């Protein structure tokens, strides 16, 4: 039996001036002449539950997250930002295997060829963090309050991001 190879027409590449993402949207725009295309934004949030790695029993305001890097990419990173934004009463502290590790696999290269590190990501997003091998004794013993964490976080931001 002989099989004929069918030549499918090549898809047109989308140009920056093309406002529609599909042929269907383009065809509908010609029919729905009284409608506006993508002029309105609707916010939504999907409820999720976050299970922190560690917590101190006597410090209900503190969550400890252990990270080697964000394995699920920017979606995982965004999760922590959303938790911090929606629960301002909580402080998320990261214990990083190595703060100089690339934040996630698909991290975009900067103009100078470097990548965003986990430490930079934490500082940029206002999270306190410790390197695994440099966890202070006062943190391990739980001998601190919220002001100590806030001060540590402020110092980290200045150190990693320069004077703010």
Foldseek 3Di string as FASTA:
>chain_A
DDDDDDDDDDDDDDDPVDPDPDPVVVVVCVVPVVDDDPPDDDDDDDDDDDDAPDDDPVCPQEGEHEDQAPAVPPVSVVVVLVVCVVCVSHAYEYAYQDQQDARYDPFDADPVRDGHGNLNSCLVSQHHYHYNVGDDPCVVVVVDDPVVSNVNSVVSNCVNVNDD
